[in-house]
């Protein structure tokens, strides 16, 4: 983030707190942020459907700062000159930021979406919740790309929350198999 130019940095921050696609972020208007419900409304996504992205506290604070003083129809994340980010306008700034930050190989803008999803899953957010916030109708895409990250969550959740019954292994009990071998099983 710190290696980005200021206008592009805001776009990158928006991607990291939402997991939204570049085109979705580029088309956001000030009215798309709802501070009461802590959501950002993506009017049209890749699927052609809209969705509301739920924000955490950091995301809410970022979007509050982005809408401050803007009319409702203003672009939320404009370029420095006030124009909108168009197709492929993110490629050069992302490459420059990767170079300045010494990220090799360079990360693409879409990699920010993967970062959001990966970290959310590793922090215990259920796959279905991540899928919905990313705009997927089910968990298939999330499982395909990030399912391996959920295994630690499952392991930790079972170890923390599975029921216990006070069962203690008996150390002096001879198994049925051992009794059969010795000919003492009845």
N, C-alpha and C. Protein backbone atom coordinates (compact mmCIF):
# COMPACT_ATOMS: atom_id res chain seq x y z
N UNK A 1 0.83 -1.19 0.00
CA UNK A 1 0.00 0.00 0.00
C UNK A 1 0.87 1.26 0.00
N UNK A 2 1.89 1.24 0.84
CA UNK A 2 2.72 2.44 0.97
C UNK A 2 3.52 2.76 -0.28
N UNK A 3 3.68 1.79 -1.16
CA UNK A 3 4.44 2.00 -2.39
C UNK A 3 3.55 2.54 -3.51
N UNK A 4 2.27 2.74 -3.24
CA UNK A 4 1.32 3.21 -4.26
C UNK A 4 1.21 4.74 -4.23
N UNK A 5 0.92 5.30 -5.40
CA UNK A 5 0.57 6.72 -5.47
C UNK A 5 -0.73 6.91 -4.69
N UNK A 6 -0.97 8.12 -4.18
CA UNK A 6 -2.09 8.33 -3.24
C UNK A 6 -3.46 7.94 -3.80
N UNK A 7 -3.76 8.29 -5.05
CA UNK A 7 -5.08 7.94 -5.58
C UNK A 7 -5.21 6.43 -5.77
N UNK A 8 -4.13 5.81 -6.21
CA UNK A 8 -4.15 4.35 -6.40
C UNK A 8 -4.15 3.63 -5.05
N UNK A 9 -3.49 4.21 -4.06
CA UNK A 9 -3.46 3.61 -2.72
C UNK A 9 -4.87 3.44 -2.18
N UNK A 10 -5.73 4.43 -2.40
CA UNK A 10 -7.12 4.33 -1.92
C UNK A 10 -7.85 3.17 -2.59
N UNK A 11 -7.58 2.98 -3.88
CA UNK A 11 -8.18 1.87 -4.61
C UNK A 11 -7.69 0.54 -4.05
N UNK A 12 -6.40 0.45 -3.79
CA UNK A 12 -5.81 -0.77 -3.22
C UNK A 12 -6.39 -1.02 -1.83
N UNK A 13 -6.50 0.00 -1.02
CA UNK A 13 -7.09 -0.16 0.31
C UNK A 13 -8.53 -0.64 0.20
N UNK A 14 -9.27 -0.07 -0.74
CA UNK A 14 -10.65 -0.51 -0.96
C UNK A 14 -10.73 -1.98 -1.32
N UNK A 15 -9.79 -2.43 -2.14
CA UNK A 15 -9.76 -3.84 -2.54
C UNK A 15 -9.45 -4.73 -1.34
N UNK A 16 -8.52 -4.31 -0.52
CA UNK A 16 -8.11 -5.13 0.62
C UNK A 16 -9.19 -5.24 1.70
N UNK A 17 -10.02 -4.22 1.86
CA UNK A 17 -11.06 -4.29 2.90
C UNK A 17 -12.38 -4.85 2.38
N UNK A 18 -12.51 -5.05 1.07
CA UNK A 18 -13.76 -5.57 0.51
C UNK A 18 -13.61 -6.88 -0.23
N UNK A 19 -12.46 -7.12 -0.84
CA UNK A 19 -12.31 -8.27 -1.72
C UNK A 19 -12.98 -8.03 -3.06
N UNK A 20 -13.38 -6.79 -3.33
CA UNK A 20 -14.08 -6.47 -4.58
C UNK A 20 -13.12 -6.49 -5.77
N UNK A 21 -13.69 -6.71 -6.91
CA UNK A 21 -12.93 -6.67 -8.17
C UNK A 21 -12.61 -5.22 -8.54
N UNK A 22 -11.59 -5.07 -9.35
CA UNK A 22 -11.15 -3.75 -9.80
C UNK A 22 -12.31 -2.96 -10.41
N UNK A 23 -13.02 -3.54 -11.36
CA UNK A 23 -14.12 -2.84 -12.02
C UNK A 23 -15.24 -2.47 -11.08
N UNK A 24 -15.49 -3.31 -10.08
CA UNK A 24 -16.52 -3.01 -9.09
C UNK A 24 -16.13 -1.79 -8.27
N UNK A 25 -14.88 -1.72 -7.87
CA UNK A 25 -14.40 -0.58 -7.09
C UNK A 25 -14.39 0.69 -7.92
N UNK A 26 -13.95 0.58 -9.17
CA UNK A 26 -13.82 1.75 -10.04
C UNK A 26 -15.17 2.42 -10.30
N UNK A 27 -16.25 1.66 -10.22
CA UNK A 27 -17.57 2.22 -10.52
C UNK A 27 -18.36 2.66 -9.28
N UNK A 28 -17.79 2.48 -8.09
CA UNK A 28 -18.52 2.86 -6.87
C UNK A 28 -18.77 4.36 -6.80
N UNK A 29 -19.95 4.71 -6.32
CA UNK A 29 -20.33 6.10 -6.06
C UNK A 29 -20.44 6.30 -4.54
N UNK A 30 -20.39 7.52 -4.10
CA UNK A 30 -20.47 7.81 -2.66
C UNK A 30 -21.73 7.21 -2.05
N UNK A 31 -22.83 7.22 -2.77
CA UNK A 31 -24.09 6.68 -2.26
C UNK A 31 -24.08 5.16 -2.10
N UNK A 32 -23.07 4.49 -2.65
CA UNK A 32 -22.98 3.04 -2.53
C UNK A 32 -22.50 2.59 -1.15
N UNK A 33 -21.95 3.50 -0.40
CA UNK A 33 -21.53 3.17 0.97
C UNK A 33 -22.66 3.49 1.93
N UNK A 34 -23.03 2.51 2.74
CA UNK A 34 -24.08 2.72 3.75
C UNK A 34 -23.43 2.62 5.13
N UNK A 35 -23.22 3.76 5.79
CA UNK A 35 -22.56 3.74 7.09
C UNK A 35 -23.42 3.11 8.19
N UNK A 36 -24.73 3.06 7.99
CA UNK A 36 -25.62 2.47 8.99
C UNK A 36 -25.55 0.94 8.99
N UNK A 37 -25.52 0.36 7.79
CA UNK A 37 -25.46 -1.10 7.70
C UNK A 37 -24.03 -1.62 7.55
N UNK A 38 -23.07 -0.69 7.45
CA UNK A 38 -21.65 -1.04 7.29
C UNK A 38 -21.43 -1.89 6.04
N UNK A 39 -22.03 -1.45 4.95
CA UNK A 39 -21.91 -2.17 3.68
C UNK A 39 -21.56 -1.23 2.53
N UNK A 40 -21.04 -1.85 1.49
CA UNK A 40 -20.82 -1.18 0.21
C UNK A 40 -21.67 -1.92 -0.81
N UNK A 41 -22.44 -1.17 -1.59
CA UNK A 41 -23.31 -1.77 -2.58
C UNK A 41 -22.61 -1.82 -3.93
N UNK A 42 -22.36 -3.02 -4.42
CA UNK A 42 -21.85 -3.20 -5.78
C UNK A 42 -23.08 -3.37 -6.65
N UNK A 43 -23.32 -2.39 -7.51
CA UNK A 43 -24.56 -2.40 -8.30
C UNK A 43 -24.59 -3.51 -9.33
N UNK A 44 -23.47 -3.71 -10.02
CA UNK A 44 -23.39 -4.78 -11.02
C UNK A 44 -22.04 -5.45 -10.89
N UNK A 45 -22.07 -6.75 -10.68
CA UNK A 45 -20.83 -7.50 -10.55
C UNK A 45 -20.60 -8.32 -11.82
N UNK A 46 -19.58 -9.13 -11.79
CA UNK A 46 -19.23 -9.99 -12.93
C UNK A 46 -20.41 -10.87 -13.34
N UNK A 47 -21.19 -11.30 -12.35
CA UNK A 47 -22.34 -12.17 -12.62
C UNK A 47 -23.54 -11.40 -13.17
N UNK A 48 -23.45 -10.06 -13.17
CA UNK A 48 -24.56 -9.24 -13.61
C UNK A 48 -25.52 -8.87 -12.49
N UNK A 49 -25.28 -9.43 -11.32
CA UNK A 49 -26.13 -9.16 -10.17
C UNK A 49 -25.42 -8.21 -9.21
N UNK A 50 -26.19 -7.48 -8.44
CA UNK A 50 -25.62 -6.63 -7.41
C UNK A 50 -25.44 -7.40 -6.12
N UNK A 51 -24.70 -6.80 -5.21
CA UNK A 51 -24.54 -7.40 -3.89
C UNK A 51 -24.11 -6.33 -2.90
N UNK A 52 -24.27 -6.62 -1.64
CA UNK A 52 -23.80 -5.75 -0.58
C UNK A 52 -22.61 -6.43 0.09
N UNK A 53 -21.49 -5.73 0.14
CA UNK A 53 -20.29 -6.25 0.79
C UNK A 53 -20.29 -5.74 2.23
N UNK A 54 -20.23 -6.66 3.16
CA UNK A 54 -20.19 -6.30 4.57
C UNK A 54 -18.75 -5.92 4.92
N UNK A 55 -18.62 -4.80 5.64
CA UNK A 55 -17.30 -4.28 6.02
C UNK A 55 -17.02 -4.51 7.50
N UNK A 56 -15.75 -4.68 7.82
CA UNK A 56 -15.36 -4.68 9.23
C UNK A 56 -15.14 -3.22 9.65
N UNK A 57 -14.74 -3.01 10.89
CA UNK A 57 -14.57 -1.64 11.40
C UNK A 57 -13.55 -0.84 10.60
N UNK A 58 -12.46 -1.49 10.20
CA UNK A 58 -11.44 -0.81 9.41
C UNK A 58 -12.01 -0.38 8.06
N UNK A 59 -12.80 -1.24 7.44
CA UNK A 59 -13.43 -0.91 6.17
C UNK A 59 -14.41 0.23 6.30
N UNK A 60 -15.19 0.23 7.37
CA UNK A 60 -16.16 1.31 7.61
C UNK A 60 -15.41 2.63 7.76
N UNK A 61 -14.34 2.64 8.53
CA UNK A 61 -13.56 3.88 8.73
C UNK A 61 -12.99 4.37 7.41
N UNK A 62 -12.47 3.45 6.59
CA UNK A 62 -11.92 3.84 5.29
C UNK A 62 -13.01 4.47 4.42
N UNK A 63 -14.15 3.81 4.31
CA UNK A 63 -15.20 4.32 3.43
C UNK A 63 -15.82 5.61 3.96
N UNK A 64 -15.88 5.77 5.27
CA UNK A 64 -16.35 7.05 5.82
C UNK A 64 -15.42 8.17 5.38
N UNK A 65 -14.12 7.91 5.40
CA UNK A 65 -13.17 8.94 4.97
C UNK A 65 -13.27 9.20 3.47
N UNK A 66 -13.60 8.18 2.70
CA UNK A 66 -13.70 8.34 1.24
C UNK A 66 -14.94 9.13 0.83
N UNK A 67 -16.03 9.01 1.58
CA UNK A 67 -17.26 9.71 1.21
C UNK A 67 -17.34 11.12 1.79
N UNK A 68 -16.49 11.42 2.76
CA UNK A 68 -16.57 12.71 3.46
C UNK A 68 -16.55 13.88 2.47
N UNK A 69 -17.61 14.69 2.53
CA UNK A 69 -17.70 15.89 1.71
C UNK A 69 -18.06 15.67 0.26
N UNK A 70 -18.35 14.44 -0.13
CA UNK A 70 -18.68 14.15 -1.53
C UNK A 70 -20.19 14.10 -1.72
N UNK A 71 -20.67 14.61 -2.85
CA UNK A 71 -22.09 14.41 -3.16
C UNK A 71 -22.36 12.94 -3.44
N UNK A 72 -23.59 12.50 -3.28
CA UNK A 72 -23.92 11.08 -3.39
C UNK A 72 -23.60 10.48 -4.76
N UNK A 73 -23.60 11.29 -5.82
CA UNK A 73 -23.33 10.74 -7.14
C UNK A 73 -21.85 10.80 -7.54
N UNK A 74 -20.98 11.28 -6.64
CA UNK A 74 -19.55 11.39 -6.95
C UNK A 74 -18.89 10.02 -6.94
N UNK A 75 -17.89 9.87 -7.81
CA UNK A 75 -17.09 8.65 -7.78
C UNK A 75 -16.44 8.52 -6.40
N UNK A 76 -16.49 7.33 -5.87
CA UNK A 76 -15.92 7.10 -4.55
C UNK A 76 -14.40 6.99 -4.60
N UNK A 77 -13.89 6.41 -5.67
CA UNK A 77 -12.45 6.18 -5.80
C UNK A 77 -11.95 6.71 -7.15
N UNK A 78 -11.96 8.02 -7.34
CA UNK A 78 -11.52 8.57 -8.62
C UNK A 78 -10.00 8.59 -8.74
N UNK A 79 -9.56 8.76 -9.97
CA UNK A 79 -8.14 9.02 -10.22
C UNK A 79 -7.84 10.44 -9.73
N UNK A 80 -6.57 10.76 -9.67
CA UNK A 80 -6.14 12.07 -9.17
C UNK A 80 -6.83 13.22 -9.91
N UNK A 81 -7.06 13.06 -11.21
CA UNK A 81 -7.68 14.13 -12.01
C UNK A 81 -9.21 14.13 -11.92
N UNK A 82 -9.78 13.24 -11.10
CA UNK A 82 -11.23 13.18 -10.91
C UNK A 82 -11.94 12.21 -11.84
N UNK A 83 -11.23 11.68 -12.82
CA UNK A 83 -11.85 10.73 -13.75
C UNK A 83 -11.89 9.33 -13.13
N UNK A 84 -12.64 8.46 -13.78
CA UNK A 84 -12.76 7.10 -13.26
C UNK A 84 -11.61 6.23 -13.77
N UNK A 85 -11.31 5.21 -13.01
CA UNK A 85 -10.33 4.22 -13.42
C UNK A 85 -10.98 3.38 -14.52
N UNK A 86 -10.35 3.27 -15.65
CA UNK A 86 -10.89 2.50 -16.76
C UNK A 86 -10.16 1.16 -16.87
N UNK A 87 -10.64 0.34 -17.77
CA UNK A 87 -10.03 -0.98 -17.97
C UNK A 87 -8.53 -0.84 -18.19
N UNK A 88 -7.77 -1.64 -17.50
CA UNK A 88 -6.31 -1.72 -17.60
C UNK A 88 -5.56 -0.54 -16.99
N UNK A 89 -6.25 0.45 -16.45
CA UNK A 89 -5.55 1.58 -15.83
C UNK A 89 -4.82 1.18 -14.54
N UNK A 90 -5.16 0.03 -14.00
CA UNK A 90 -4.53 -0.43 -12.77
C UNK A 90 -3.22 -1.17 -13.01
N UNK A 91 -2.96 -1.58 -14.23
CA UNK A 91 -1.81 -2.44 -14.51
C UNK A 91 -0.48 -1.74 -14.20
N UNK A 92 -0.26 -0.57 -14.76
CA UNK A 92 1.01 0.14 -14.55
C UNK A 92 1.20 0.53 -13.08
N UNK A 93 0.19 1.16 -12.41
CA UNK A 93 0.40 1.51 -11.01
C UNK A 93 0.66 0.29 -10.11
N UNK A 94 0.02 -0.83 -10.44
CA UNK A 94 0.25 -2.04 -9.64
C UNK A 94 1.65 -2.57 -9.86
N UNK A 95 2.11 -2.55 -11.09
CA UNK A 95 3.47 -3.00 -11.40
C UNK A 95 4.49 -2.08 -10.73
N UNK A 96 4.25 -0.77 -10.78
CA UNK A 96 5.16 0.19 -10.15
C UNK A 96 5.20 -0.02 -8.63
N UNK A 97 4.04 -0.22 -8.02
CA UNK A 97 3.98 -0.43 -6.57
C UNK A 97 4.72 -1.72 -6.19
N UNK A 98 4.52 -2.77 -6.98
CA UNK A 98 5.22 -4.03 -6.71
C UNK A 98 6.73 -3.84 -6.82
N UNK A 99 7.15 -3.09 -7.82
CA UNK A 99 8.58 -2.84 -8.02
C UNK A 99 9.15 -2.04 -6.84
N UNK A 100 8.48 -0.97 -6.45
CA UNK A 100 8.96 -0.13 -5.34
C UNK A 100 8.96 -0.90 -4.01
N UNK A 101 8.00 -1.79 -3.85
CA UNK A 101 7.90 -2.58 -2.61
C UNK A 101 8.76 -3.84 -2.67
N UNK A 102 9.42 -4.05 -3.81
CA UNK A 102 10.28 -5.23 -4.01
C UNK A 102 9.50 -6.53 -3.88
N UNK A 103 8.30 -6.53 -4.46
CA UNK A 103 7.48 -7.73 -4.50
C UNK A 103 7.78 -8.42 -5.83
N UNK A 104 8.39 -9.59 -5.74
CA UNK A 104 8.79 -10.30 -6.95
C UNK A 104 8.42 -11.77 -6.79
N UNK A 105 7.62 -12.35 -7.65
CA UNK A 105 7.04 -11.71 -8.84
C UNK A 105 5.99 -10.69 -8.42
N UNK A 106 5.75 -9.71 -9.30
CA UNK A 106 4.77 -8.67 -8.98
C UNK A 106 3.37 -9.25 -8.80
N UNK A 107 2.61 -8.62 -7.94
CA UNK A 107 1.23 -9.04 -7.69
C UNK A 107 0.30 -8.28 -8.64
N UNK A 108 -0.74 -8.93 -9.08
CA UNK A 108 -1.75 -8.26 -9.91
C UNK A 108 -2.79 -7.64 -8.99
N UNK A 109 -3.62 -6.78 -9.53
CA UNK A 109 -4.69 -6.19 -8.72
C UNK A 109 -5.63 -7.28 -8.21
N UNK A 110 -5.87 -8.28 -9.04
CA UNK A 110 -6.75 -9.38 -8.63
C UNK A 110 -6.17 -10.14 -7.44
N UNK A 111 -4.85 -10.08 -7.29
CA UNK A 111 -4.21 -10.71 -6.14
C UNK A 111 -4.67 -10.12 -4.82
N UNK A 112 -5.14 -8.87 -4.84
CA UNK A 112 -5.66 -8.23 -3.63
C UNK A 112 -6.95 -8.92 -3.19
N UNK A 113 -7.75 -9.34 -4.16
CA UNK A 113 -8.98 -10.09 -3.87
C UNK A 113 -8.63 -11.42 -3.21
N UNK A 114 -7.59 -12.07 -3.75
CA UNK A 114 -7.13 -13.33 -3.16
C UNK A 114 -6.59 -13.12 -1.75
N UNK A 115 -5.91 -12.01 -1.55
CA UNK A 115 -5.38 -11.69 -0.22
C UNK A 115 -6.52 -11.55 0.78
N UNK A 116 -7.55 -10.80 0.39
CA UNK A 116 -8.72 -10.62 1.26
C UNK A 116 -9.33 -11.97 1.62
N UNK A 117 -9.60 -12.79 0.61
CA UNK A 117 -10.26 -14.08 0.84
C UNK A 117 -9.38 -15.00 1.68
N UNK A 118 -8.11 -15.09 1.36
CA UNK A 118 -7.21 -15.97 2.10
C UNK A 118 -7.13 -15.60 3.57
N UNK A 119 -6.95 -14.31 3.83
CA UNK A 119 -6.81 -13.88 5.22
C UNK A 119 -8.13 -14.01 5.99
N UNK A 120 -9.25 -13.78 5.32
CA UNK A 120 -10.54 -13.95 5.98
C UNK A 120 -10.73 -15.41 6.40
N UNK A 121 -10.41 -16.32 5.50
CA UNK A 121 -10.57 -17.74 5.80
C UNK A 121 -9.60 -18.17 6.90
N UNK A 122 -8.37 -17.71 6.82
CA UNK A 122 -7.39 -18.07 7.86
C UNK A 122 -7.76 -17.47 9.22
N UNK A 123 -8.56 -16.41 9.21
CA UNK A 123 -9.04 -15.81 10.46
C UNK A 123 -10.34 -16.44 10.94
N UNK A 124 -10.81 -17.49 10.24
CA UNK A 124 -11.96 -18.24 10.71
C UNK A 124 -13.30 -17.86 10.11
N UNK A 125 -13.34 -16.99 9.11
CA UNK A 125 -14.61 -16.66 8.49
C UNK A 125 -15.07 -17.87 7.68
N UNK A 126 -16.28 -18.36 7.88
CA UNK A 126 -16.77 -19.53 7.15
C UNK A 126 -16.74 -19.31 5.63
N UNK A 127 -16.49 -20.39 4.90
CA UNK A 127 -16.37 -20.32 3.44
C UNK A 127 -17.59 -19.69 2.79
N UNK A 128 -18.79 -20.02 3.27
CA UNK A 128 -20.00 -19.47 2.67
C UNK A 128 -20.08 -17.97 2.85
N UNK A 129 -19.64 -17.47 3.98
CA UNK A 129 -19.67 -16.03 4.24
C UNK A 129 -18.68 -15.32 3.32
N UNK A 130 -17.49 -15.88 3.18
CA UNK A 130 -16.51 -15.30 2.26
C UNK A 130 -17.05 -15.33 0.84
N UNK A 131 -17.64 -16.45 0.44
CA UNK A 131 -18.20 -16.58 -0.91
C UNK A 131 -19.25 -15.51 -1.17
N UNK A 132 -20.16 -15.31 -0.24
CA UNK A 132 -21.22 -14.30 -0.42
C UNK A 132 -20.63 -12.90 -0.51
N UNK A 133 -19.67 -12.57 0.32
CA UNK A 133 -19.08 -11.23 0.28
C UNK A 133 -18.33 -11.01 -1.03
N UNK A 134 -17.76 -12.08 -1.60
CA UNK A 134 -17.06 -11.97 -2.88
C UNK A 134 -18.01 -11.97 -4.07
N UNK A 135 -19.27 -12.31 -3.83
CA UNK A 135 -20.25 -12.31 -4.91
C UNK A 135 -20.47 -13.65 -5.56
N UNK A 136 -20.05 -14.74 -4.92
CA UNK A 136 -20.28 -16.08 -5.45
C UNK A 136 -21.60 -16.62 -4.90
N UNK A 137 -22.30 -17.40 -5.71
CA UNK A 137 -23.59 -17.92 -5.28
C UNK A 137 -23.46 -19.12 -4.34
N UNK A 138 -22.31 -19.78 -4.37
CA UNK A 138 -22.06 -20.90 -3.46
C UNK A 138 -20.57 -20.94 -3.15
N UNK A 139 -20.14 -21.98 -2.49
CA UNK A 139 -18.74 -22.04 -2.03
C UNK A 139 -17.78 -22.70 -3.01
N UNK A 140 -18.24 -23.15 -4.16
CA UNK A 140 -17.37 -23.92 -5.06
C UNK A 140 -16.07 -23.19 -5.42
N UNK A 141 -16.17 -21.93 -5.84
CA UNK A 141 -14.97 -21.19 -6.23
C UNK A 141 -14.06 -20.94 -5.02
N UNK A 142 -14.66 -20.63 -3.91
CA UNK A 142 -13.87 -20.38 -2.70
C UNK A 142 -13.18 -21.67 -2.25
N UNK A 143 -13.90 -22.78 -2.28
CA UNK A 143 -13.30 -24.06 -1.91
C UNK A 143 -12.17 -24.43 -2.87
N UNK A 144 -12.37 -24.17 -4.16
CA UNK A 144 -11.36 -24.51 -5.16
C UNK A 144 -10.06 -23.75 -4.91
N UNK A 145 -10.16 -22.46 -4.60
CA UNK A 145 -8.97 -21.63 -4.45
C UNK A 145 -8.45 -21.55 -3.02
N UNK A 146 -9.33 -21.69 -2.03
CA UNK A 146 -8.91 -21.43 -0.65
C UNK A 146 -9.28 -22.54 0.33
N UNK A 147 -9.88 -23.61 -0.14
CA UNK A 147 -10.35 -24.67 0.75
C UNK A 147 -9.27 -25.24 1.64
N UNK A 148 -8.05 -25.32 1.13
CA UNK A 148 -6.95 -25.85 1.93
C UNK A 148 -6.67 -24.98 3.16
N UNK A 149 -7.01 -23.68 3.07
CA UNK A 149 -6.78 -22.78 4.20
C UNK A 149 -7.79 -23.03 5.31
N UNK A 150 -8.96 -23.55 4.95
CA UNK A 150 -10.01 -23.78 5.93
C UNK A 150 -9.70 -24.97 6.84
N UNK A 151 -8.79 -25.86 6.42
CA UNK A 151 -8.50 -27.05 7.22
C UNK A 151 -8.00 -26.69 8.61
N UNK A 152 -7.14 -25.69 8.71
CA UNK A 152 -6.67 -25.26 10.03
C UNK A 152 -7.82 -24.76 10.88
N UNK A 153 -8.74 -24.02 10.26
CA UNK A 153 -9.91 -23.53 10.98
C UNK A 153 -10.74 -24.69 11.50
N UNK A 154 -10.95 -25.71 10.67
CA UNK A 154 -11.73 -26.87 11.07
C UNK A 154 -11.03 -27.59 12.22
N UNK A 155 -9.73 -27.79 12.08
CA UNK A 155 -8.97 -28.46 13.13
C UNK A 155 -9.07 -27.70 14.45
N UNK A 156 -8.83 -26.40 14.40
CA UNK A 156 -8.90 -25.58 15.61
C UNK A 156 -10.30 -25.57 16.21
N UNK A 157 -11.32 -25.48 15.36
CA UNK A 157 -12.69 -25.42 15.84
C UNK A 157 -13.09 -26.73 16.53
N UNK A 158 -12.71 -27.87 15.96
CA UNK A 158 -13.03 -29.17 16.56
C UNK A 158 -12.30 -29.32 17.88
N UNK A 159 -11.04 -28.97 17.91
CA UNK A 159 -10.27 -29.11 19.15
C UNK A 159 -10.81 -28.20 20.24
N UNK A 160 -11.34 -27.05 19.85
CA UNK A 160 -11.87 -26.11 20.83
C UNK A 160 -13.31 -26.45 21.23
N UNK A 161 -14.13 -26.88 20.26
CA UNK A 161 -15.56 -26.96 20.54
C UNK A 161 -16.22 -28.31 20.52
N UNK A 162 -15.51 -29.36 20.13
CA UNK A 162 -16.15 -30.68 20.11
C UNK A 162 -16.49 -31.09 21.55
N UNK A 163 -17.57 -31.84 21.73
CA UNK A 163 -17.96 -32.22 23.10
C UNK A 163 -16.94 -33.16 23.74
N UNK A 164 -16.85 -33.07 25.03
CA UNK A 164 -16.02 -34.00 25.81
C UNK A 164 -16.93 -34.71 26.81
N UNK A 165 -16.52 -35.89 27.21
CA UNK A 165 -17.36 -36.72 28.06
C UNK A 165 -16.63 -37.21 29.31
N UNK A 166 -15.44 -36.73 29.56
CA UNK A 166 -14.69 -37.17 30.72
C UNK A 166 -14.16 -38.58 30.58
N UNK A 167 -14.02 -39.04 29.38
CA UNK A 167 -13.54 -40.40 29.13
C UNK A 167 -12.04 -40.43 29.38
N UNK A 168 -11.64 -41.39 30.20
CA UNK A 168 -10.22 -41.60 30.45
C UNK A 168 -9.89 -43.03 30.07
N UNK A 169 -8.86 -43.23 29.27
CA UNK A 169 -8.51 -44.60 28.86
C UNK A 169 -8.15 -45.45 30.07
N UNK A 170 -8.60 -46.69 30.03
CA UNK A 170 -8.24 -47.63 31.09
C UNK A 170 -6.95 -48.30 30.67
N UNK A 171 -5.98 -48.28 31.56
CA UNK A 171 -4.67 -48.81 31.20
C UNK A 171 -4.53 -50.30 31.46
N UNK A 172 -5.38 -50.89 32.32
CA UNK A 172 -5.20 -52.29 32.66
C UNK A 172 -6.22 -53.20 31.96
N UNK A 173 -6.95 -52.68 31.01
CA UNK A 173 -7.96 -53.46 30.31
C UNK A 173 -7.30 -54.22 29.16
N UNK A 174 -7.59 -55.51 29.06
CA UNK A 174 -7.08 -56.34 27.98
C UNK A 174 -8.15 -56.35 26.90
N UNK A 175 -7.75 -56.10 25.66
CA UNK A 175 -8.73 -56.04 24.56
C UNK A 175 -9.28 -57.42 24.27
N UNK A 176 -10.43 -57.43 23.60
CA UNK A 176 -11.06 -58.69 23.19
C UNK A 176 -10.11 -59.47 22.29
N UNK A 177 -9.41 -58.77 21.39
CA UNK A 177 -8.46 -59.45 20.49
C UNK A 177 -7.36 -60.14 21.28
N UNK A 178 -6.85 -59.47 22.31
CA UNK A 178 -5.81 -60.07 23.12
C UNK A 178 -6.35 -61.27 23.91
N UNK A 179 -7.59 -61.17 24.38
CA UNK A 179 -8.20 -62.30 25.12
C UNK A 179 -8.36 -63.51 24.21
N UNK A 180 -8.77 -63.27 22.95
CA UNK A 180 -8.94 -64.37 21.99
C UNK A 180 -7.61 -65.05 21.72
N UNK A 181 -6.56 -64.23 21.57
CA UNK A 181 -5.23 -64.78 21.30
C UNK A 181 -4.78 -65.68 22.44
N UNK A 182 -5.09 -65.28 23.67
CA UNK A 182 -4.69 -66.05 24.84
C UNK A 182 -5.68 -67.18 25.16
N UNK A 183 -6.82 -67.20 24.45
CA UNK A 183 -7.83 -68.23 24.67
C UNK A 183 -8.68 -67.99 25.89
N UNK A 184 -8.71 -66.75 26.39
CA UNK A 184 -9.51 -66.46 27.59
C UNK A 184 -10.81 -65.75 27.29
N UNK A 185 -11.07 -65.44 26.03
CA UNK A 185 -12.30 -64.72 25.69
C UNK A 185 -13.48 -65.65 25.80
N UNK A 186 -14.59 -65.17 26.32
CA UNK A 186 -15.76 -66.03 26.45
C UNK A 186 -16.79 -65.69 25.42
